């Protein structure tokens, strides 16, 4: 059972890190090239949404590592 638990833990950790990286990349694109975001007229609002997602997944990763290690 420990092997299965470790695999689930590792997969969840990698998923959360991937989500963080995805939303950080989106935020970096918005910060460096707002022209590339045609459907987002309010760049700051869009950036806030990406940062909220980063914070959400970061909190989840922290909880995973703190309480389920």
N, C-alpha and C. Protein backbone atom coordinates (compact mmCIF):
# COMPACT_ATOMS: atom_id res chain seq x y z
N UNK A 1 0.81 -1.21 0.00
CA UNK A 1 0.00 0.00 0.00
C UNK A 1 0.85 1.26 0.00
N UNK A 2 2.04 1.20 0.60
CA UNK A 2 2.90 2.38 0.63
C UNK A 2 3.32 2.80 -0.77
N UNK A 3 3.56 1.82 -1.63
CA UNK A 3 3.97 2.15 -3.00
C UNK A 3 2.84 2.90 -3.71
N UNK A 4 1.62 2.44 -3.58
CA UNK A 4 0.49 3.12 -4.19
C UNK A 4 0.32 4.52 -3.61
N UNK A 5 0.43 4.65 -2.30
CA UNK A 5 0.32 5.96 -1.65
C UNK A 5 1.39 6.90 -2.18
N UNK A 6 2.63 6.41 -2.29
CA UNK A 6 3.73 7.23 -2.79
C UNK A 6 3.49 7.68 -4.22
N UNK A 7 2.95 6.79 -5.04
CA UNK A 7 2.66 7.15 -6.43
C UNK A 7 1.58 8.22 -6.51
N UNK A 8 0.53 8.07 -5.71
CA UNK A 8 -0.54 9.06 -5.69
C UNK A 8 -0.01 10.40 -5.19
N UNK A 9 0.78 10.35 -4.13
CA UNK A 9 1.37 11.57 -3.59
C UNK A 9 2.23 12.27 -4.64
N UNK A 10 3.10 11.50 -5.29
CA UNK A 10 4.02 12.08 -6.28
C UNK A 10 3.25 12.63 -7.48
N UNK A 11 2.25 11.90 -7.94
CA UNK A 11 1.46 12.36 -9.08
C UNK A 11 0.71 13.64 -8.75
N UNK A 12 0.16 13.71 -7.56
CA UNK A 12 -0.55 14.91 -7.13
C UNK A 12 0.40 16.09 -7.03
N UNK A 13 1.57 15.86 -6.46
CA UNK A 13 2.56 16.93 -6.33
C UNK A 13 2.99 17.44 -7.71
N UNK A 14 3.25 16.53 -8.63
CA UNK A 14 3.65 16.94 -9.97
C UNK A 14 2.53 17.68 -10.70
N UNK A 15 1.29 17.23 -10.52
CA UNK A 15 0.15 17.90 -11.12
C UNK A 15 0.04 19.34 -10.60
N UNK A 16 0.13 19.51 -9.29
CA UNK A 16 0.01 20.84 -8.70
C UNK A 16 1.15 21.74 -9.16
N UNK A 17 2.36 21.23 -9.21
CA UNK A 17 3.50 22.02 -9.69
C UNK A 17 3.30 22.41 -11.16
N UNK A 18 2.76 21.49 -11.94
CA UNK A 18 2.49 21.79 -13.35
C UNK A 18 1.46 22.89 -13.50
N UNK A 19 0.43 22.85 -12.69
CA UNK A 19 -0.59 23.90 -12.73
C UNK A 19 0.00 25.25 -12.34
N UNK A 20 0.84 25.26 -11.34
CA UNK A 20 1.50 26.50 -10.92
C UNK A 20 2.33 27.05 -12.08
N UNK A 21 3.13 26.19 -12.69
CA UNK A 21 3.99 26.63 -13.80
C UNK A 21 3.17 27.15 -14.97
N UNK A 22 2.06 26.48 -15.27
CA UNK A 22 1.20 26.92 -16.37
C UNK A 22 0.67 28.33 -16.12
N UNK A 23 0.17 28.58 -14.92
CA UNK A 23 -0.42 29.88 -14.63
C UNK A 23 0.64 30.97 -14.46
N UNK A 24 1.82 30.59 -13.98
CA UNK A 24 2.93 31.55 -13.93
C UNK A 24 3.33 31.94 -15.36
N UNK A 25 3.40 30.96 -16.25
CA UNK A 25 3.74 31.24 -17.65
C UNK A 25 2.70 32.17 -18.28
N UNK A 26 1.42 31.89 -18.02
CA UNK A 26 0.37 32.78 -18.53
C UNK A 26 0.55 34.20 -18.02
N UNK A 27 0.84 34.34 -16.73
CA UNK A 27 1.04 35.66 -16.14
C UNK A 27 2.25 36.36 -16.76
N UNK A 28 3.31 35.61 -17.00
CA UNK A 28 4.51 36.20 -17.61
C UNK A 28 4.22 36.68 -19.02
N UNK A 29 3.43 35.92 -19.78
CA UNK A 29 3.05 36.35 -21.13
C UNK A 29 2.25 37.65 -21.05
N UNK A 30 1.32 37.71 -20.12
CA UNK A 30 0.51 38.92 -19.97
C UNK A 30 1.37 40.13 -19.60
N UNK A 31 2.36 39.89 -18.75
CA UNK A 31 3.22 41.00 -18.31
C UNK A 31 4.14 41.48 -19.42
N UNK A 32 4.58 40.57 -20.28
CA UNK A 32 5.58 40.94 -21.27
C UNK A 32 5.00 41.25 -22.64
N UNK A 33 3.79 40.76 -22.91
CA UNK A 33 3.24 40.93 -24.25
C UNK A 33 1.72 40.99 -24.20
N UNK A 34 1.19 42.10 -23.74
CA UNK A 34 -0.26 42.21 -23.60
C UNK A 34 -0.97 42.22 -24.95
N UNK A 35 -0.26 42.43 -26.05
CA UNK A 35 -0.87 42.39 -27.37
C UNK A 35 -1.34 40.98 -27.70
N UNK A 36 -0.66 39.98 -27.14
CA UNK A 36 -1.00 38.60 -27.41
C UNK A 36 -2.24 38.11 -26.70
N UNK A 37 -2.94 39.00 -26.02
CA UNK A 37 -4.13 38.61 -25.26
C UNK A 37 -5.33 39.37 -25.81
N UNK A 38 -5.66 39.14 -27.05
CA UNK A 38 -6.71 39.88 -27.73
C UNK A 38 -8.06 39.83 -27.05
N UNK A 39 -8.45 38.68 -26.53
CA UNK A 39 -9.78 38.56 -25.93
C UNK A 39 -9.83 39.11 -24.50
N UNK A 40 -8.69 39.50 -23.95
CA UNK A 40 -8.64 40.03 -22.58
C UNK A 40 -8.37 41.53 -22.64
N UNK A 41 -9.42 42.33 -22.60
CA UNK A 41 -9.24 43.76 -22.69
C UNK A 41 -8.69 44.34 -21.39
N UNK A 42 -8.98 43.72 -20.27
CA UNK A 42 -8.47 44.18 -18.98
C UNK A 42 -7.32 43.27 -18.56
N UNK A 43 -6.11 43.66 -18.91
CA UNK A 43 -4.93 42.84 -18.66
C UNK A 43 -4.72 42.63 -17.17
N UNK A 44 -4.92 43.68 -16.38
CA UNK A 44 -4.70 43.58 -14.94
C UNK A 44 -5.67 42.58 -14.32
N UNK A 45 -6.92 42.63 -14.73
CA UNK A 45 -7.91 41.68 -14.20
C UNK A 45 -7.54 40.25 -14.60
N UNK A 46 -7.11 40.08 -15.82
CA UNK A 46 -6.69 38.75 -16.28
C UNK A 46 -5.46 38.27 -15.51
N UNK A 47 -4.55 39.18 -15.24
CA UNK A 47 -3.36 38.83 -14.47
C UNK A 47 -3.75 38.43 -13.05
N UNK A 48 -4.69 39.16 -12.46
CA UNK A 48 -5.17 38.81 -11.11
C UNK A 48 -5.76 37.40 -11.09
N UNK A 49 -6.51 37.05 -12.11
CA UNK A 49 -7.10 35.71 -12.17
C UNK A 49 -6.02 34.64 -12.25
N UNK A 50 -4.99 34.88 -13.03
CA UNK A 50 -3.89 33.92 -13.11
C UNK A 50 -3.17 33.80 -11.76
N UNK A 51 -2.96 34.93 -11.09
CA UNK A 51 -2.30 34.89 -9.79
C UNK A 51 -3.16 34.20 -8.74
N UNK A 52 -4.48 34.36 -8.83
CA UNK A 52 -5.36 33.64 -7.92
C UNK A 52 -5.22 32.13 -8.12
N UNK A 53 -5.08 31.71 -9.37
CA UNK A 53 -4.90 30.29 -9.65
C UNK A 53 -3.55 29.80 -9.13
N UNK A 54 -2.51 30.63 -9.30
CA UNK A 54 -1.19 30.27 -8.76
C UNK A 54 -1.28 30.10 -7.25
N UNK A 55 -1.92 31.05 -6.58
CA UNK A 55 -2.05 30.99 -5.12
C UNK A 55 -2.85 29.76 -4.70
N UNK A 56 -3.91 29.46 -5.43
CA UNK A 56 -4.75 28.29 -5.12
C UNK A 56 -3.93 27.00 -5.18
N UNK A 57 -3.24 26.80 -6.29
CA UNK A 57 -2.47 25.56 -6.44
C UNK A 57 -1.26 25.53 -5.50
N UNK A 58 -0.69 26.69 -5.23
CA UNK A 58 0.42 26.77 -4.28
C UNK A 58 -0.04 26.38 -2.88
N UNK A 59 -1.21 26.88 -2.49
CA UNK A 59 -1.78 26.50 -1.19
C UNK A 59 -2.05 25.01 -1.11
N UNK A 60 -2.57 24.45 -2.19
CA UNK A 60 -2.84 23.01 -2.21
C UNK A 60 -1.55 22.20 -2.11
N UNK A 61 -0.51 22.64 -2.81
CA UNK A 61 0.77 21.97 -2.75
C UNK A 61 1.35 22.04 -1.34
N UNK A 62 1.25 23.21 -0.73
CA UNK A 62 1.74 23.37 0.64
C UNK A 62 0.99 22.45 1.60
N UNK A 63 -0.33 22.38 1.44
CA UNK A 63 -1.13 21.50 2.30
C UNK A 63 -0.74 20.04 2.10
N UNK A 64 -0.56 19.65 0.85
CA UNK A 64 -0.14 18.28 0.55
C UNK A 64 1.17 17.95 1.25
N UNK A 65 2.14 18.84 1.09
CA UNK A 65 3.47 18.58 1.64
C UNK A 65 3.49 18.69 3.16
N UNK A 66 2.64 19.51 3.73
CA UNK A 66 2.62 19.69 5.17
C UNK A 66 1.86 18.57 5.88
N UNK A 67 0.71 18.21 5.36
CA UNK A 67 -0.18 17.30 6.09
C UNK A 67 -0.19 15.86 5.59
N UNK A 68 0.27 15.64 4.38
CA UNK A 68 0.16 14.30 3.82
C UNK A 68 1.50 13.68 3.44
N UNK A 69 2.58 14.27 3.84
CA UNK A 69 3.91 13.76 3.50
C UNK A 69 4.14 12.41 4.13
